[in-house]
C-alpha atoms as a PDB file:
ATOM      1  CA  MET A   1      94.811  32.467  56.584  1.00  0.00           C
ATOM      2  CA  SER A   2      96.389  29.667  54.575  1.00  0.00           C
ATOM      3  CA  THR A   3      97.572  26.352  55.957  1.00  0.00           C
ATOM      4  CA  ILE A   4     100.840  26.036  57.827  1.00  0.00           C
ATOM      5  CA  GLU A   5     102.636  24.573  54.810  1.00  0.00           C
ATOM      6  CA  ASN A   6     101.561  27.480  52.590  1.00  0.00           C
ATOM      7  CA  THR A   7     102.082  30.250  55.140  1.00  0.00           C
ATOM      8  CA  THR A   8     104.931  32.538  54.276  1.00  0.00           C
ATOM      9  CA  ALA A   9     107.283  34.184  56.729  1.00  0.00           C
ATOM     10  CA  ARG A  10     105.679  37.535  55.909  1.00  0.00           C
ATOM     11  CA  GLU A  11     102.164  36.254  56.716  1.00  0.00           C
ATOM     12  CA  ILE A  12     103.448  34.872  59.997  1.00  0.00           C
ATOM     13  CA  ALA A  13     105.147  38.151  60.860  1.00  0.00           C
ATOM     14  CA  ASP A  14     101.951  40.082  59.988  1.00  0.00           C
ATOM     15  CA  PHE A  15      99.903  37.733  62.159  1.00  0.00           C
ATOM     16  CA  GLU A  16     102.272  38.123  65.106  1.00  0.00           C
ATOM     17  CA  ALA A  17     102.316  41.910  64.737  1.00  0.00           C
ATOM     18  CA  ARG A  18      98.497  42.153  64.547  1.00  0.00           C
ATOM     19  CA  THR A  19      97.662  39.757  67.364  1.00  0.00           C
ATOM     20  CA  GLY A  20     100.640  39.853  69.706  1.00  0.00           C
ATOM     21  CA  TRP A  21     100.705  36.040  69.634  1.00  0.00           C
ATOM     22  CA  SER A  22     103.601  33.985  68.357  1.00  0.00           C
ATOM     23  CA  TRP A  23     102.650  31.644  65.532  1.00  0.00           C
ATOM     24  CA  SER A  24     103.525  28.516  67.526  1.00  0.00           C
ATOM     25  CA  ASP A  25     101.504  29.710  70.559  1.00  0.00           C
ATOM     26  CA  ALA A  26      98.484  30.327  68.328  1.00  0.00           C
ATOM     27  CA  VAL A  27      98.774  26.861  66.782  1.00  0.00           C
ATOM     28  CA  ASP A  28      99.099  25.278  70.242  1.00  0.00           C
ATOM     29  CA  GLU A  29      96.065  27.201  71.524  1.00  0.00           C
ATOM     30  CA  ALA A  30      93.997  26.224  68.488  1.00  0.00           C
ATOM     31  CA  ALA A  31      94.916  22.562  69.011  1.00  0.00           C
ATOM     32  CA  THR A  32      94.002  22.784  72.709  1.00  0.00           C
ATOM     33  CA  ILE A  33      90.625  24.351  71.960  1.00  0.00           C
ATOM     34  CA  GLN A  34      89.930  21.794  69.242  1.00  0.00           C
ATOM     35  CA  ARG A  35      90.761  18.951  71.649  1.00  0.00           C
ATOM     36  CA  GLU A  36      88.568  20.450  74.400  1.00  0.00           C
ATOM     37  CA  ASN A  37      85.687  20.890  71.958  1.00  0.00           C
ATOM     38  CA  ARG A  38      86.051  17.289  70.864  1.00  0.00           C
ATOM     39  CA  ILE A  39      86.001  16.034  74.478  1.00  0.00           C
ATOM     40  CA  PHE A  40      83.596  18.461  76.130  1.00  0.00           C
ATOM     41  CA  GLY A  41      81.676  19.830  73.161  1.00  0.00           C
ATOM     42  CA  ASN A  42      81.606  23.369  71.868  1.00  0.00           C
ATOM     43  CA  ARG A  43      80.403  25.374  74.849  1.00  0.00           C
ATOM     44  CA  SER A  44      79.021  28.169  72.693  1.00  0.00           C
ATOM     45  CA  SER A  45      76.779  25.800  70.726  1.00  0.00           C
ATOM     46  CA  GLY A  46      74.281  25.559  73.580  1.00  0.00           C
ATOM     47  CA  PHE A  47      72.979  29.091  72.980  1.00  0.00           C
ATOM     48  CA  GLY A  48      70.839  28.613  69.960  1.00  0.00           C
ATOM     49  CA  GLY A  49      71.989  25.911  67.635  1.00  0.00           C
ATOM     50  CA  ARG A  50      71.460  22.393  68.751  1.00  0.00           C
ATOM     51  CA  LYS A  51      68.412  21.453  70.786  1.00  0.00           C
ATOM     52  CA  SER A  52      69.064  18.330  72.783  1.00  0.00           C
ATOM     53  CA  THR A  53      67.150  16.928  75.658  1.00  0.00           C
ATOM     54  CA  ARG A  54      68.805  15.969  78.883  1.00  0.00           C
ATOM     55  CA  ALA A  55      68.036  12.301  78.151  1.00  0.00           C
ATOM     56  CA  ASN A  56      69.963  12.429  74.856  1.00  0.00           C
ATOM     57  CA  ARG A  57      73.112  13.914  76.404  1.00  0.00           C
ATOM     58  CA  LYS A  58      75.988  11.640  77.284  1.00  0.00           C
ATOM     59  CA  SER A  59      77.318  11.663  80.802  1.00  0.00           C
ATOM     60  CA  TYR A  60      80.831  12.831  81.555  1.00  0.00           C
ATOM     61  CA  ALA A  61      81.832   9.214  82.213  1.00  0.00           C
ATOM     62  CA  GLN A  62      80.561   8.171  78.772  1.00  0.00           C
ATOM     63  CA  ARG A  63      82.353  11.026  76.994  1.00  0.00           C
ATOM     64  CA  PHE A  64      85.541  10.351  78.982  1.00  0.00           C
ATOM     65  CA  PHE A  65      85.457   6.675  77.979  1.00  0.00           C
ATOM     66  CA  GLU A  66      84.876   7.541  74.311  1.00  0.00           C
ATOM     67  CA  ALA A  67      87.724  10.050  74.291  1.00  0.00           C
ATOM     68  CA  THR A  68      90.287   8.002  76.233  1.00  0.00           C
ATOM     69  CA  GLY A  69      89.187   4.372  76.244  1.00  0.00           C
ATOM     70  CA  TRP A  70      89.436   4.425  80.059  1.00  0.00           C
ATOM     71  CA  THR A  71      86.644   4.216  82.574  1.00  0.00           C
ATOM     72  CA  LEU A  72      86.678   6.891  85.263  1.00  0.00           C
ATOM     73  CA  GLU A  73      87.366   4.244  87.912  1.00  0.00           C
ATOM     74  CA  ALA A  74      90.358   2.874  86.006  1.00  0.00           C
ATOM     75  CA  ALA A  75      91.744   6.384  85.462  1.00  0.00           C
ATOM     76  CA  ARG A  76      91.345   7.217  89.161  1.00  0.00           C
ATOM     77  CA  GLU A  77      93.066   4.007  90.211  1.00  0.00           C
ATOM     78  CA  MET A  78      95.944   4.705  87.821  1.00  0.00           C
ATOM     79  CA  ALA A  79      96.265   8.248  89.153  1.00  0.00           C
ATOM     80  CA  TRP A  80      96.287   6.976  92.734  1.00  0.00           C
ATOM     81  CA  ASP A  81      98.900   4.335  91.883  1.00  0.00           C
ATOM     82  CA  LEU A  82     101.121   6.907  90.165  1.00  0.00           C
ATOM     83  CA  GLN A  83     100.718   9.317  93.061  1.00  0.00           C
ATOM     84  CA  ARG A  84     101.646   6.564  95.523  1.00  0.00           C
ATOM     85  CA  GLU A  85     104.704   5.557  93.454  1.00  0.00           C
ATOM     86  CA  ARG A  86     105.855   9.179  93.212  1.00  0.00           C
ATOM     87  CA  ARG A  87     105.455   9.574  96.955  1.00  0.00           C
ATOM     88  CA  ILE A  88     107.526   6.428  97.610  1.00  0.00           C
ATOM     89  CA  PHE A  89     110.116   6.560  94.811  1.00  0.00           C
ATOM     90  CA  GLY A  90     110.033  10.206  93.684  1.00  0.00           C
ATOM     91  CA  ARG A  91     109.629  11.412  90.148  1.00  0.00           C
ATOM     92  CA  VAL A  92     111.460   9.304  87.604  1.00  0.00           C
ATOM     93  CA  ALA A  93     111.130  11.511  84.557  1.00  0.00           C
END
C-alpha cells in the first residue's frame, strides 16, 4: 500500500471493504503497535531471530527511562500526586 499522501480514495475504500477496518483506525493501530515495539521490543522477535543473553537485556526501568526520560520512582510519585489532587479537587480537564 502506498503512503498516506499518495493513497487515493479508491484504495482507502478497497482497504476498508477488504479488512473491515476504517483507514483512521488502521493508522492509529499501526502507530500504537509501533510505539509498543519501540518501548517493549517486538515480542515476536524472541522466537528465532535475535539471540541475547539475560545479562545483555535492559531492565524495564532502564527501557522506561530511555523511552520517557522519567525514572520509575518519579513517575510513580507524579501519578500519586495527580491521583491525590483529583481526589481532593476533582478532574480539571
